[in-house]
Amino acid sequence: MRSVEMFEVYAGYILGKLYDHFPLPKEIKAEDVVKGVEIDSSNVSDADKRQIAGHTIKWLRRAGYIEAETEDANGFRGNLTTLGLECMQVLAGALKPKMKSDKAETPKDASSKRSFGELLSE
């Protein structure tokens, strides 16, 4: 898998986690991103995966999608910016028909329903 493809998957995971916890800040470490995402990257070392995840976090912050209360080489603690939240809401709206069909197949038990953030961060 190319690094730009890994970036896309990692960015979706990070934004999904933050959206799921919004408006509360969340701590996200590059190592947790790598562990939380299953991708076919047998040709990429774990160290490179963590580095790509770390740079994805930095890019999302510099591009204005996330804000960090604290940040270090291993990750950050922060939240979505207004821009990040608006993008996630647009994406959630676009996926509503798919999410409704997913819910129709699940039990009516409220604990079995997954949020948009959980669906995105899988």
PDB file of N, CA and C in Angstrom:
ATOM      1  N   MET A   1       0.845  -1.180   0.000  1.00  0.00           N
ATOM      2  CA  MET A   1       0.000   0.000   0.000  1.00  0.00           C
ATOM      3  C   MET A   1       0.890   1.242   0.000  1.00  0.00           C
ATOM      4  N   ARG A   2       0.500   2.203  -0.801  1.00  0.00           N
ATOM      5  CA  ARG A   2       1.267   3.448  -0.883  1.00  0.00           C
ATOM      6  C   ARG A   2       0.991   4.322   0.336  1.00  0.00           C
ATOM      7  N   SER A   3       1.935   5.205   0.639  1.00  0.00           N
ATOM      8  CA  SER A   3       1.792   6.050   1.825  1.00  0.00           C
ATOM      9  C   SER A   3       0.564   6.958   1.735  1.00  0.00           C
ATOM     10  N   VAL A   4       0.220   7.444   0.550  1.00  0.00           N
ATOM     11  CA  VAL A   4      -0.957   8.309   0.427  1.00  0.00           C
ATOM     12  C   VAL A   4      -2.239   7.516   0.723  1.00  0.00           C
ATOM     13  N   GLU A   5      -2.280   6.258   0.372  1.00  0.00           N
ATOM     14  CA  GLU A   5      -3.432   5.424   0.699  1.00  0.00           C
ATOM     15  C   GLU A   5      -3.508   5.172   2.205  1.00  0.00           C
ATOM     16  N   MET A   6      -2.361   4.976   2.834  1.00  0.00           N
ATOM     17  CA  MET A   6      -2.327   4.807   4.285  1.00  0.00           C
ATOM     18  C   MET A   6      -2.778   6.102   4.961  1.00  0.00           C
ATOM     19  N   PHE A   7      -2.343   7.246   4.419  1.00  0.00           N
ATOM     20  CA  PHE A   7      -2.751   8.543   4.948  1.00  0.00           C
ATOM     21  C   PHE A   7      -4.277   8.660   4.931  1.00  0.00           C
ATOM     22  N   GLU A   8      -4.901   8.293   3.828  1.00  0.00           N
ATOM     23  CA  GLU A   8      -6.358   8.400   3.709  1.00  0.00           C
ATOM     24  C   GLU A   8      -7.070   7.540   4.752  1.00  0.00           C
ATOM     25  N   VAL A   9      -6.594   6.335   4.945  1.00  0.00           N
ATOM     26  CA  VAL A   9      -7.209   5.435   5.928  1.00  0.00           C
ATOM     27  C   VAL A   9      -6.977   5.967   7.343  1.00  0.00           C
ATOM     28  N   TYR A  10      -5.759   6.375   7.634  1.00  0.00           N
ATOM     29  CA  TYR A  10      -5.442   6.901   8.964  1.00  0.00           C
ATOM     30  C   TYR A  10      -6.225   8.179   9.243  1.00  0.00           C
ATOM     31  N   ALA A  11      -6.343   9.071   8.258  1.00  0.00           N
ATOM     32  CA  ALA A  11      -7.094  10.318   8.449  1.00  0.00           C
ATOM     33  C   ALA A  11      -8.553  10.013   8.767  1.00  0.00           C
ATOM     34  N   GLY A  12      -9.148   9.067   8.043  1.00  0.00           N
ATOM     35  CA  GLY A  12     -10.531   8.686   8.319  1.00  0.00           C
ATOM     36  C   GLY A  12     -10.702   8.140   9.720  1.00  0.00           C
ATOM     37  N   TYR A  13      -9.755   7.322  10.147  1.00  0.00           N
ATOM     38  CA  TYR A  13      -9.804   6.738  11.491  1.00  0.00           C
ATOM     39  C   TYR A  13      -9.717   7.844  12.548  1.00  0.00           C
ATOM     40  N   ILE A  14      -8.761   8.757  12.392  1.00  0.00           N
ATOM     41  CA  ILE A  14      -8.550   9.833  13.366  1.00  0.00           C
ATOM     42  C   ILE A  14      -9.779  10.737  13.437  1.00  0.00           C
ATOM     43  N   LEU A  15     -10.269  11.176  12.284  1.00  0.00           N
ATOM     44  CA  LEU A  15     -11.436  12.059  12.259  1.00  0.00           C
ATOM     45  C   LEU A  15     -12.667  11.352  12.818  1.00  0.00           C
ATOM     46  N   GLY A  16     -12.806  10.064  12.526  1.00  0.00           N
ATOM     47  CA  GLY A  16     -13.929   9.295  13.058  1.00  0.00           C
ATOM     48  C   GLY A  16     -13.898   9.201  14.569  1.00  0.00           C
ATOM     49  N   LYS A  17     -12.722   8.960  15.126  1.00  0.00           N
ATOM     50  CA  LYS A  17     -12.587   8.886  16.588  1.00  0.00           C
ATOM     51  C   LYS A  17     -12.934  10.222  17.230  1.00  0.00           C
ATOM     52  N   LEU A  18     -12.432  11.316  16.644  1.00  0.00           N
ATOM     53  CA  LEU A  18     -12.709  12.635  17.204  1.00  0.00           C
ATOM     54  C   LEU A  18     -14.195  12.989  17.085  1.00  0.00           C
ATOM     55  N   TYR A  19     -14.799  12.638  15.962  1.00  0.00           N
ATOM     56  CA  TYR A  19     -16.224  12.906  15.752  1.00  0.00           C
ATOM     57  C   TYR A  19     -17.063  12.121  16.760  1.00  0.00           C
ATOM     58  N   ASP A  20     -16.687  10.896  17.009  1.00  0.00           N
ATOM     59  CA  ASP A  20     -17.427  10.054  17.941  1.00  0.00           C
ATOM     60  C   ASP A  20     -17.373  10.594  19.365  1.00  0.00           C
ATOM     61  N   HIS A  21     -16.306  11.306  19.724  1.00  0.00           N
ATOM     62  CA  HIS A  21     -16.153  11.833  21.079  1.00  0.00           C
ATOM     63  C   HIS A  21     -16.508  13.313  21.183  1.00  0.00           C
ATOM     64  N   PHE A  22     -16.849  13.938  20.075  1.00  0.00           N
ATOM     65  CA  PHE A  22     -17.132  15.371  20.064  1.00  0.00           C
ATOM     66  C   PHE A  22     -18.289  15.689  20.996  1.00  0.00           C
ATOM     67  N   PRO A  23     -18.225  16.746  21.788  1.00  0.00           N
ATOM     68  CA  PRO A  23     -17.268  17.838  21.820  1.00  0.00           C
ATOM     69  C   PRO A  23     -16.115  17.643  22.805  1.00  0.00           C
ATOM     70  N   LEU A  24     -16.025  16.464  23.393  1.00  0.00           N
ATOM     71  CA  LEU A  24     -14.949  16.216  24.351  1.00  0.00           C
ATOM     72  C   LEU A  24     -13.629  15.981  23.618  1.00  0.00           C
ATOM     73  N   PRO A  25     -12.536  16.495  24.155  1.00  0.00           N
ATOM     74  CA  PRO A  25     -11.235  16.208  23.531  1.00  0.00           C
ATOM     75  C   PRO A  25     -10.873  14.736  23.700  1.00  0.00           C
ATOM     76  N   LYS A  26     -10.058  14.246  22.808  1.00  0.00           N
ATOM     77  CA  LYS A  26      -9.654  12.830  22.823  1.00  0.00           C
ATOM     78  C   LYS A  26      -8.149  12.768  22.617  1.00  0.00           C
ATOM     79  N   GLU A  27      -7.521  11.837  23.299  1.00  0.00           N
ATOM     80  CA  GLU A  27      -6.096  11.586  23.088  1.00  0.00           C
ATOM     81  C   GLU A  27      -5.953  10.503  22.031  1.00  0.00           C
ATOM     82  N   ILE A  28      -5.145  10.787  21.026  1.00  0.00           N
ATOM     83  CA  ILE A  28      -4.892   9.832  19.953  1.00  0.00           C
ATOM     84  C   ILE A  28      -3.395   9.735  19.742  1.00  0.00           C
ATOM     85  N   LYS A  29      -2.890   8.528  19.842  1.00  0.00           N
ATOM     86  CA  LYS A  29      -1.467   8.274  19.622  1.00  0.00           C
ATOM     87  C   LYS A  29      -1.285   7.584  18.275  1.00  0.00           C
ATOM     88  N   ALA A  30      -0.178   7.886  17.619  1.00  0.00           N
ATOM     89  CA  ALA A  30       0.106   7.284  16.314  1.00  0.00           C
ATOM     90  C   ALA A  30       0.078   5.761  16.408  1.00  0.00           C
ATOM     91  N   GLU A  31       0.606   5.206  17.480  1.00  0.00           N
ATOM     92  CA  GLU A  31       0.633   3.753  17.662  1.00  0.00           C
ATOM     93  C   GLU A  31      -0.786   3.175  17.739  1.00  0.00           C
ATOM     94  N   ASP A  32      -1.699   3.905  18.404  1.00  0.00           N
ATOM     95  CA  ASP A  32      -3.088   3.444  18.502  1.00  0.00           C
ATOM     96  C   ASP A  32      -3.777   3.489  17.141  1.00  0.00           C
ATOM     97  N   VAL A  33      -3.432   4.476  16.318  1.00  0.00           N
ATOM     98  CA  VAL A  33      -3.997   4.570  14.970  1.00  0.00           C
ATOM     99  C   VAL A  33      -3.572   3.350  14.168  1.00  0.00           C
ATOM    100  N   VAL A  34      -2.293   3.018  14.218  1.00  0.00           N
ATOM    101  CA  VAL A  34      -1.771   1.864  13.476  1.00  0.00           C
ATOM    102  C   VAL A  34      -2.443   0.577  13.945  1.00  0.00           C
ATOM    103  N   LYS A  35      -2.595   0.432  15.262  1.00  0.00           N
ATOM    104  CA  LYS A  35      -3.225  -0.773  15.806  1.00  0.00           C
ATOM    105  C   LYS A  35      -4.716  -0.827  15.497  1.00  0.00           C
ATOM    106  N   GLY A  36      -5.359   0.329  15.378  1.00  0.00           N
ATOM    107  CA  GLY A  36      -6.794   0.383  15.195  1.00  0.00           C
ATOM    108  C   GLY A  36      -7.263   0.201  13.762  1.00  0.00           C
ATOM    109  N   VAL A  37      -6.321   0.190  12.824  1.00  0.00           N
ATOM    110  CA  VAL A  37      -6.672   0.106  11.409  1.00  0.00           C
ATOM    111  C   VAL A  37      -6.038  -1.136  10.802  1.00  0.00           C
ATOM    112  N   GLU A  38      -6.862  -1.933  10.146  1.00  0.00           N
ATOM    113  CA  GLU A  38      -6.340  -3.108   9.449  1.00  0.00           C
ATOM    114  C   GLU A  38      -6.151  -2.752   7.978  1.00  0.00           C
ATOM    115  N   ILE A  39      -4.907  -2.719   7.556  1.00  0.00           N
ATOM    116  CA  ILE A  39      -4.616  -2.436   6.158  1.00  0.00           C
ATOM    117  C   ILE A  39      -3.596  -3.451   5.651  1.00  0.00           C
ATOM    118  N   ASP A  40      -3.636  -3.693   4.359  1.00  0.00           N
ATOM    119  CA  ASP A  40      -2.674  -4.593   3.740  1.00  0.00           C
ATOM    120  C   ASP A  40      -1.397  -3.806   3.461  1.00  0.00           C
ATOM    121  N   SER A  41      -0.476  -3.891   4.384  1.00  0.00           N
ATOM    122  CA  SER A  41       0.760  -3.129   4.254  1.00  0.00           C
ATOM    123  C   SER A  41       1.956  -3.978   4.666  1.00  0.00           C
ATOM    124  N   SER A  42       1.999  -5.186   4.176  1.00  0.00           N
ATOM    125  CA  SER A  42       3.068  -6.106   4.558  1.00  0.00           C
ATOM    126  C   SER A  42       4.437  -5.594   4.132  1.00  0.00           C
ATOM    127  N   ASN A  43       4.469  -4.692   3.162  1.00  0.00           N
ATOM    128  CA  ASN A  43       5.744  -4.160   2.693  1.00  0.00           C
ATOM    129  C   ASN A  43       6.172  -2.913   3.467  1.00  0.00           C
ATOM    130  N   VAL A  44       5.418  -2.534   4.519  1.00  0.00           N
ATOM    131  CA  VAL A  44       5.729  -1.345   5.307  1.00  0.00           C
ATOM    132  C   VAL A  44       6.002  -1.764   6.748  1.00  0.00           C
ATOM    133  N   SER A  45       7.110  -1.294   7.297  1.00  0.00           N
ATOM    134  CA  SER A  45       7.459  -1.655   8.681  1.00  0.00           C
ATOM    135  C   SER A  45       6.531  -0.953   9.667  1.00  0.00           C
ATOM    136  N   ASP A  46       6.454  -1.486  10.881  1.00  0.00           N
ATOM    137  CA  ASP A  46       5.631  -0.866  11.922  1.00  0.00           C
ATOM    138  C   ASP A  46       6.115   0.546  12.229  1.00  0.00           C
ATOM    139  N   ALA A  47       7.424   0.747  12.221  1.00  0.00           N
ATOM    140  CA  ALA A  47       7.980   2.083  12.473  1.00  0.00           C
ATOM    141  C   ALA A  47       7.525   3.061  11.392  1.00  0.00           C
ATOM    142  N   ASP A  48       7.520   2.623  10.136  1.00  0.00           N
ATOM    143  CA  ASP A  48       7.061   3.487   9.049  1.00  0.00           C
ATOM    144  C   ASP A  48       5.568   3.765   9.170  1.00  0.00           C
ATOM    145  N   LYS A  49       4.801   2.770   9.579  1.00  0.00           N
ATOM    146  CA  LYS A  49       3.361   2.979   9.780  1.00  0.00           C
ATOM    147  C   LYS A  49       3.124   4.037  10.852  1.00  0.00           C
ATOM    148  N   ARG A  50       3.858   3.939  11.968  1.00  0.00           N
ATOM    149  CA  ARG A  50       3.718   4.939  13.037  1.00  0.00           C
ATOM    150  C   ARG A  50       4.136   6.316  12.546  1.00  0.00           C
ATOM    151  N   GLN A  51       5.175   6.369  11.732  1.00  0.00           N
ATOM    152  CA  GLN A  51       5.634   7.648  11.203  1.00  0.00           C
ATOM    153  C   GLN A  51       4.575   8.260  10.277  1.00  0.00           C
ATOM    154  N   ILE A  52       3.973   7.452   9.424  1.00  0.00           N
ATOM    155  CA  ILE A  52       2.923   7.947   8.532  1.00  0.00           C
ATOM    156  C   ILE A  52       1.714   8.411   9.352  1.00  0.00           C
ATOM    157  N   ALA A  53       1.344   7.653  10.377  1.00  0.00           N
ATOM    158  CA  ALA A  53       0.232   8.050  11.244  1.00  0.00           C
ATOM    159  C   ALA A  53       0.548   9.371  11.946  1.00  0.00           C
ATOM    160  N   GLY A  54       1.772   9.524  12.430  1.00  0.00           N
ATOM    161  CA  GLY A  54       2.174  10.766  13.088  1.00  0.00           C
ATOM    162  C   GLY A  54       2.135  11.965  12.151  1.00  0.00           C
ATOM    163  N   HIS A  55       2.596  11.766  10.938  1.00  0.00           N
ATOM    164  CA  HIS A  55       2.562  12.856   9.956  1.00  0.00           C
ATOM    165  C   HIS A  55       1.135  13.150   9.499  1.00  0.00           C
ATOM    166  N   THR A  56       0.273  12.145   9.509  1.00  0.00           N
ATOM    167  CA  THR A  56      -1.138  12.362   9.196  1.00  0.00           C
ATOM    168  C   THR A  56      -1.762  13.275  10.244  1.00  0.00           C
ATOM    169  N   ILE A  57      -1.470  13.018  11.514  1.00  0.00           N
ATOM    170  CA  ILE A  57      -1.959  13.873  12.601  1.00  0.00           C
ATOM    171  C   ILE A  57      -1.481  15.305  12.396  1.00  0.00           C
ATOM    172  N   LYS A  58      -0.200  15.476  12.104  1.00  0.00           N
ATOM    173  CA  LYS A  58       0.353  16.827  11.904  1.00  0.00           C
ATOM    174  C   LYS A  58      -0.304  17.517  10.716  1.00  0.00           C
ATOM    175  N   TRP A  59      -0.525  16.776   9.623  1.00  0.00           N
ATOM    176  CA  TRP A  59      -1.132  17.372   8.442  1.00  0.00           C
ATOM    177  C   TRP A  59      -2.562  17.811   8.739  1.00  0.00           C
ATOM    178  N   LEU A  60      -3.328  16.959   9.426  1.00  0.00           N
ATOM    179  CA  LEU A  60      -4.708  17.315   9.769  1.00  0.00           C
ATOM    180  C   LEU A  60      -4.750  18.576  10.624  1.00  0.00           C
ATOM    181  N   ARG A  61      -3.793  18.718  11.517  1.00  0.00           N
ATOM    182  CA  ARG A  61      -3.733  19.923  12.360  1.00  0.00           C
ATOM    183  C   ARG A  61      -3.368  21.142  11.522  1.00  0.00           C
ATOM    184  N   ARG A  62      -2.311  21.040  10.713  1.00  0.00           N
ATOM    185  CA  ARG A  62      -1.885  22.178   9.892  1.00  0.00           C
ATOM    186  C   ARG A  62      -2.941  22.571   8.868  1.00  0.00           C
ATOM    187  N   ALA A  63      -3.694  21.614   8.354  1.00  0.00           N
ATOM    188  CA  ALA A  63      -4.734  21.893   7.364  1.00  0.00           C
ATOM    189  C   ALA A  63      -6.008  22.456   8.006  1.00  0.00           C
ATOM    190  N   GLY A  64      -6.076  22.437   9.329  1.00  0.00           N
ATOM    191  CA  GLY A  64      -7.194  23.053  10.029  1.00  0.00           C
ATOM    192  C   GLY A  64      -8.363  22.146  10.340  1.00  0.00           C
ATOM    193  N   TYR A  65      -8.175  20.827  10.245  1.00  0.00           N
ATOM    194  CA  TYR A  65      -9.253  19.887  10.539  1.00  0.00           C
ATOM    195  C   TYR A  65      -9.308  19.501  12.009  1.00  0.00           C
ATOM    196  N   ILE A  66      -8.171  19.543  12.685  1.00  0.00           N
ATOM    197  CA  ILE A  66      -8.120  19.217  14.109  1.00  0.00           C
ATOM    198  C   ILE A  66      -7.325  20.284  14.838  1.00  0.00           C
ATOM    199  N   GLU A  67      -7.617  20.418  16.124  1.00  0.00           N
ATOM    200  CA  GLU A  67      -6.830  21.297  16.979  1.00  0.00           C
ATOM    201  C   GLU A  67      -6.269  20.462  18.117  1.00  0.00           C
ATOM    202  N   ALA A  68      -5.074  20.790  18.517  1.00  0.00           N
ATOM    203  CA  ALA A  68      -4.411  20.007  19.551  1.00  0.00           C
ATOM    204  C   ALA A  68      -4.211  20.850  20.806  1.00  0.00           C
ATOM    205  N   GLU A  69      -4.717  20.344  21.926  1.00  0.00           N
ATOM    206  CA  GLU A  69      -4.431  20.965  23.221  1.00  0.00           C
ATOM    207  C   GLU A  69      -2.976  20.697  23.570  1.00  0.00           C
ATOM    208  N   THR A  70      -2.566  19.464  23.317  1.00  0.00           N
ATOM    209  CA  THR A  70      -1.175  19.055  23.505  1.00  0.00           C
ATOM    210  C   THR A  70      -0.792  18.183  22.323  1.00  0.00           C
ATOM    211  N   GLU A  71       0.477  18.226  21.960  1.00  0.00           N
ATOM    212  CA  GLU A  71       0.956  17.413  20.843  1.00  0.00           C
ATOM    213  C   GLU A  71       2.424  17.093  21.066  1.00  0.00           C
ATOM    214  N   ASP A  72       2.792  15.855  20.748  1.00  0.00           N
ATOM    215  CA  ASP A  72       4.194  15.470  20.778  1.00  0.00           C
ATOM    216  C   ASP A  72       4.453  14.524  19.613  1.00  0.00           C
ATOM    217  N   ALA A  73       5.614  13.941  19.568  1.00  0.00           N
ATOM    218  CA  ALA A  73       5.991  13.069  18.455  1.00  0.00           C
ATOM    219  C   ALA A  73       5.118  11.815  18.377  1.00  0.00           C
ATOM    220  N   ASN A  74       4.489  11.441  19.486  1.00  0.00           N
ATOM    221  CA  ASN A  74       3.701  10.207  19.533  1.00  0.00           C
ATOM    222  C   ASN A  74       2.213  10.397  19.270  1.00  0.00           C
ATOM    223  N   GLY A  75       1.713  11.629  19.300  1.00  0.00           N
ATOM    224  CA  GLY A  75       0.295  11.856  19.095  1.00  0.00           C
ATOM    225  C   GLY A  75      -0.150  13.191  19.639  1.00  0.00           C
ATOM    226  N   PHE A  76      -1.428  13.284  19.981  1.00  0.00           N
ATOM    227  CA  PHE A  76      -1.976  14.544  20.466  1.00  0.00           C
ATOM    228  C   PHE A  76      -3.222  14.300  21.308  1.00  0.00           C
ATOM    229  N   ARG A  77      -3.645  15.349  21.980  1.00  0.00           N
ATOM    230  CA  ARG A  77      -4.924  15.383  22.673  1.00  0.00           C
ATOM    231  C   ARG A  77      -5.634  16.613  22.135  1.00  0.00           C
ATOM    232  N   GLY A  78      -6.803  16.407  21.534  1.00  0.00           N
ATOM    233  CA  GLY A  78      -7.485  17.537  20.941  1.00  0.00           C
ATOM    234  C   GLY A  78      -8.865  17.191  20.442  1.00  0.00           C
ATOM    235  N   ASN A  79      -9.297  17.959  19.440  1.00  0.00           N
ATOM    236  CA  ASN A  79     -10.665  17.857  18.974  1.00  0.00           C
ATOM    237  C   ASN A  79     -10.756  18.297  17.524  1.00  0.00           C
ATOM    238  N   LEU A  80     -11.929  18.129  16.952  1.00  0.00           N
ATOM    239  CA  LEU A  80     -12.190  18.639  15.616  1.00  0.00           C
ATOM    240  C   LEU A  80     -12.322  20.159  15.669  1.00  0.00           C
ATOM    241  N   THR A  81     -11.870  20.828  14.636  1.00  0.00           N
ATOM    242  CA  THR A  81     -12.135  22.247  14.484  1.00  0.00           C
ATOM    243  C   THR A  81     -13.525  22.394  13.873  1.00  0.00           C
ATOM    244  N   THR A  82     -13.971  23.625  13.701  1.00  0.00           N
ATOM    245  CA  THR A  82     -15.253  23.862  13.035  1.00  0.00           C
ATOM    246  C   THR A  82     -15.230  23.258  11.632  1.00  0.00           C
ATOM    247  N   LEU A  83     -14.123  23.461  10.919  1.00  0.00           N
ATOM    248  CA  LEU A  83     -13.986  22.897   9.574  1.00  0.00           C
ATOM    249  C   LEU A  83     -14.057  21.373   9.615  1.00  0.00           C
ATOM    250  N   GLY A  84     -13.351  20.763  10.539  1.00  0.00           N
ATOM    251  CA  GLY A  84     -13.362  19.304  10.666  1.00  0.00           C
ATOM    252  C   GLY A  84     -14.745  18.772  10.986  1.00  0.00           C
ATOM    253  N   LEU A  85     -15.460  19.442  11.886  1.00  0.00           N
ATOM    254  CA  LEU A  85     -16.807  19.017  12.257  1.00  0.00           C
ATOM    255  C   LEU A  85     -17.755  19.161  11.071  1.00  0.00           C
ATOM    256  N   GLU A  86     -17.669  20.268  10.346  1.00  0.00           N
ATOM    257  CA  GLU A  86     -18.540  20.472   9.184  1.00  0.00           C
ATOM    258  C   GLU A  86     -18.287  19.412   8.114  1.00  0.00           C
ATOM    259  N   CYS A  87     -17.038  19.076   7.874  1.00  0.00           N
ATOM    260  CA  CYS A  87     -16.713  18.034   6.894  1.00  0.00           C
ATOM    261  C   CYS A  87     -17.286  16.691   7.315  1.00  0.00           C
ATOM    262  N   MET A  88     -17.179  16.377   8.585  1.00  0.00           N
ATOM    263  CA  MET A  88     -17.705  15.105   9.076  1.00  0.00           C
ATOM    264  C   MET A  88     -19.228  15.076   8.981  1.00  0.00           C
ATOM    265  N   GLN A  89     -19.883  16.205   9.234  1.00  0.00           N
ATOM    266  CA  GLN A  89     -21.339  16.251   9.138  1.00  0.00           C
ATOM    267  C   GLN A  89     -21.798  16.084   7.695  1.00  0.00           C
ATOM    268  N   VAL A  90     -21.060  16.671   6.755  1.00  0.00           N
ATOM    269  CA  VAL A  90     -21.385  16.495   5.337  1.00  0.00           C
ATOM    270  C   VAL A  90     -21.233  15.027   4.957  1.00  0.00           C
ATOM    271  N   LEU A  91     -20.143  14.413   5.384  1.00  0.00           N
ATOM    272  CA  LEU A  91     -19.903  13.010   5.079  1.00  0.00           C
ATOM    273  C   LEU A  91     -20.972  12.123   5.715  1.00  0.00           C
ATOM    274  N   ALA A  92     -21.326  12.425   6.948  1.00  0.00           N
ATOM    275  CA  ALA A  92     -22.367  11.641   7.629  1.00  0.00           C
ATOM    276  C   ALA A  92     -23.691  11.760   6.881  1.00  0.00           C
ATOM    277  N   GLY A  93     -24.021  12.955   6.405  1.00  0.00           N
ATOM    278  CA  GLY A  93     -25.247  13.153   5.645  1.00  0.00           C
ATOM    279  C   GLY A  93     -25.246  12.373   4.346  1.00  0.00           C
ATOM    280  N   ALA A  94     -24.095  12.311   3.697  1.00  0.00           N
ATOM    281  CA  ALA A  94     -23.987  11.579   2.439  1.00  0.00           C
ATOM    282  C   ALA A  94     -24.132  10.078   2.651  1.00  0.00           C
ATOM    283  N   LEU A  95     -23.761   9.601   3.832  1.00  0.00           N
ATOM    284  CA  LEU A  95     -23.807   8.170   4.116  1.00  0.00           C
ATOM    285  C   LEU A  95     -25.092   7.728   4.806  1.00  0.00           C
ATOM    286  N   LYS A  96     -26.006   8.637   5.107  1.00  0.00           N
ATOM    287  CA  LYS A  96     -27.228   8.269   5.842  1.00  0.00           C
ATOM    288  C   LYS A  96     -28.016   7.149   5.183  1.00  0.00           C
ATOM    289  N   PRO A  97     -28.237   7.162   3.860  1.00  0.00           N
ATOM    290  CA  PRO A  97     -28.991   6.036   3.285  1.00  0.00           C
ATOM    291  C   PRO A  97     -28.322   4.687   3.561  1.00  0.00           C
ATOM    292  N   LYS A  98     -26.994   4.626   3.467  1.00  0.00           N
ATOM    293  CA  LYS A  98     -26.283   3.383   3.749  1.00  0.00           C
ATOM    294  C   LYS A  98     -26.423   3.018   5.223  1.00  0.00           C
ATOM    295  N   MET A  99     -26.309   3.997   6.110  1.00  0.00           N
ATOM    296  CA  MET A  99     -26.408   3.727   7.534  1.00  0.00           C
ATOM    297  C   MET A  99     -27.804   3.237   7.893  1.00  0.00           C
ATOM    298  N   LYS A 100     -28.849   3.770   7.256  1.00  0.00           N
ATOM    299  CA  LYS A 100     -30.205   3.312   7.540  1.00  0.00           C
ATOM    300  C   LYS A 100     -30.367   1.851   7.157  1.00  0.00           C
ATOM    301  N   SER A 101     -29.791   1.467   6.013  1.00  0.00           N
ATOM    302  CA  SER A 101     -29.910   0.062   5.610  1.00  0.00           C
ATOM    303  C   SER A 101     -29.115  -0.838   6.539  1.00  0.00           C
ATOM    304  N   ASP A 102     -27.992  -0.355   7.066  1.00  0.00           N
ATOM    305  CA  ASP A 102     -27.223  -1.134   8.041  1.00  0.00           C
ATOM    306  C   ASP A 102     -28.036  -1.337   9.316  1.00  0.00           C
ATOM    307  N   LYS A 103     -28.720  -0.286   9.764  1.00  0.00           N
ATOM    308  CA  LYS A 103     -29.491  -0.372  11.001  1.00  0.00           C
ATOM    309  C   LYS A 103     -30.670  -1.321  10.852  1.00  0.00           C
ATOM    310  N   ALA A 104     -31.238  -1.374   9.660  1.00  0.00           N
ATOM    311  CA  ALA A 104     -32.386  -2.240   9.439  1.00  0.00           C
ATOM    312  C   ALA A 104     -32.021  -3.705   9.633  1.00  0.00           C
ATOM    313  N   GLU A 105     -30.762  -4.038   9.450  1.00  0.00           N
ATOM    314  CA  GLU A 105     -30.327  -5.417   9.579  1.00  0.00           C
ATOM    315  C   GLU A 105     -29.867  -5.762  10.988  1.00  0.00           C
ATOM    316  N   THR A 106     -29.812  -4.768  11.873  1.00  0.00           N
ATOM    317  CA  THR A 106     -29.323  -5.010  13.221  1.00  0.00           C
ATOM    318  C   THR A 106     -30.490  -5.081  14.191  1.00  0.00           C
ATOM    319  N   PRO A 107     -30.272  -5.694  15.346  1.00  0.00           N
ATOM    320  CA  PRO A 107     -31.340  -5.745  16.350  1.00  0.00           C
ATOM    321  C   PRO A 107     -31.711  -4.337  16.802  1.00  0.00           C
ATOM    322  N   LYS A 108     -32.901  -4.175  17.364  1.00  0.00           N
ATOM    323  CA  LYS A 108     -33.359  -2.858  17.792  1.00  0.00           C
ATOM    324  C   LYS A 108     -32.738  -2.443  19.114  1.00  0.00           C
ATOM    325  N   ASP A 109     -31.927  -3.278  19.681  1.00  0.00           N
ATOM    326  CA  ASP A 109     -31.232  -2.968  20.929  1.00  0.00           C
ATOM    327  C   ASP A 109     -30.326  -1.758  20.700  1.00  0.00           C
ATOM    328  N   ALA A 110     -30.504  -0.692  21.462  1.00  0.00           N
ATOM    329  CA  ALA A 110     -29.743   0.548  21.270  1.00  0.00           C
ATOM    330  C   ALA A 110     -28.243   0.325  21.425  1.00  0.00           C
ATOM    331  N   SER A 111     -27.839  -0.635  22.215  1.00  0.00           N
ATOM    332  CA  SER A 111     -26.411  -0.866  22.422  1.00  0.00           C
ATOM    333  C   SER A 111     -25.746  -1.439  21.173  1.00  0.00           C
ATOM    334  N   SER A 112     -26.522  -1.989  20.247  1.00  0.00           N
ATOM    335  CA  SER A 112     -25.942  -2.577  19.052  1.00  0.00           C
ATOM    336  C   SER A 112     -25.758  -1.549  17.935  1.00  0.00           C
ATOM    337  N   LYS A 113     -26.336  -0.357  18.060  1.00  0.00           N
ATOM    338  CA  LYS A 113     -26.209   0.681  17.037  1.00  0.00           C
ATOM    339  C   LYS A 113     -24.853   1.347  17.165  1.00  0.00           C
ATOM    340  N   ARG A 114     -24.222   1.519  16.015  1.00  0.00           N
ATOM    341  CA  ARG A 114     -22.912   2.154  16.012  1.00  0.00           C
ATOM    342  C   ARG A 114     -23.048   3.575  15.493  1.00  0.00           C
ATOM    343  N   SER A 115     -22.258   4.474  16.038  1.00  0.00           N
ATOM    344  CA  SER A 115     -22.283   5.857  15.599  1.00  0.00           C
ATOM    345  C   SER A 115     -21.552   5.998  14.273  1.00  0.00           C
ATOM    346  N   PHE A 116     -21.750   7.147  13.643  1.00  0.00           N
ATOM    347  CA  PHE A 116     -21.051   7.436  12.393  1.00  0.00           C
ATOM    348  C   PHE A 116     -19.543   7.393  12.614  1.00  0.00           C
ATOM    349  N   GLY A 117     -19.075   7.965  13.721  1.00  0.00           N
ATOM    350  CA  GLY A 117     -17.641   7.942  14.022  1.00  0.00           C
ATOM    351  C   GLY A 117     -17.101   6.529  14.128  1.00  0.00           C
ATOM    352  N   GLU A 118     -17.881   5.635  14.744  1.00  0.00           N
ATOM    353  CA  GLU A 118     -17.447   4.244  14.860  1.00  0.00           C
ATOM    354  C   GLU A 118     -17.393   3.578  13.501  1.00  0.00           C
ATOM    355  N   LEU A 119     -18.375   3.842  12.647  1.00  0.00           N
ATOM    356  CA  LEU A 119     -18.375   3.265  11.314  1.00  0.00           C
ATOM    357  C   LEU A 119     -17.171   3.745  10.507  1.00  0.00           C
ATOM    358  N   LEU A 120     -16.852   5.031  10.621  1.00  0.00           N
ATOM    359  CA  LEU A 120     -15.734   5.582   9.866  1.00  0.00           C
ATOM    360  C   LEU A 120     -14.395   5.106  10.388  1.00  0.00           C
ATOM    361  N   SER A 121     -14.305   4.926  11.698  1.00  0.00           N
ATOM    362  CA  SER A 121     -13.015   4.572  12.277  1.00  0.00           C
ATOM    363  C   SER A 121     -12.748   3.077  12.303  1.00  0.00           C
ATOM    364  N   GLU A 122     -13.592   2.297  11.646  1.00  0.00           N
ATOM    365  CA  GLU A 122     -13.346   0.856  11.567  1.00  0.00           C
ATOM    366  C   GLU A 122     -12.310   0.550  10.516  1.00  0.00           C
TER     367      GLU A 122
END
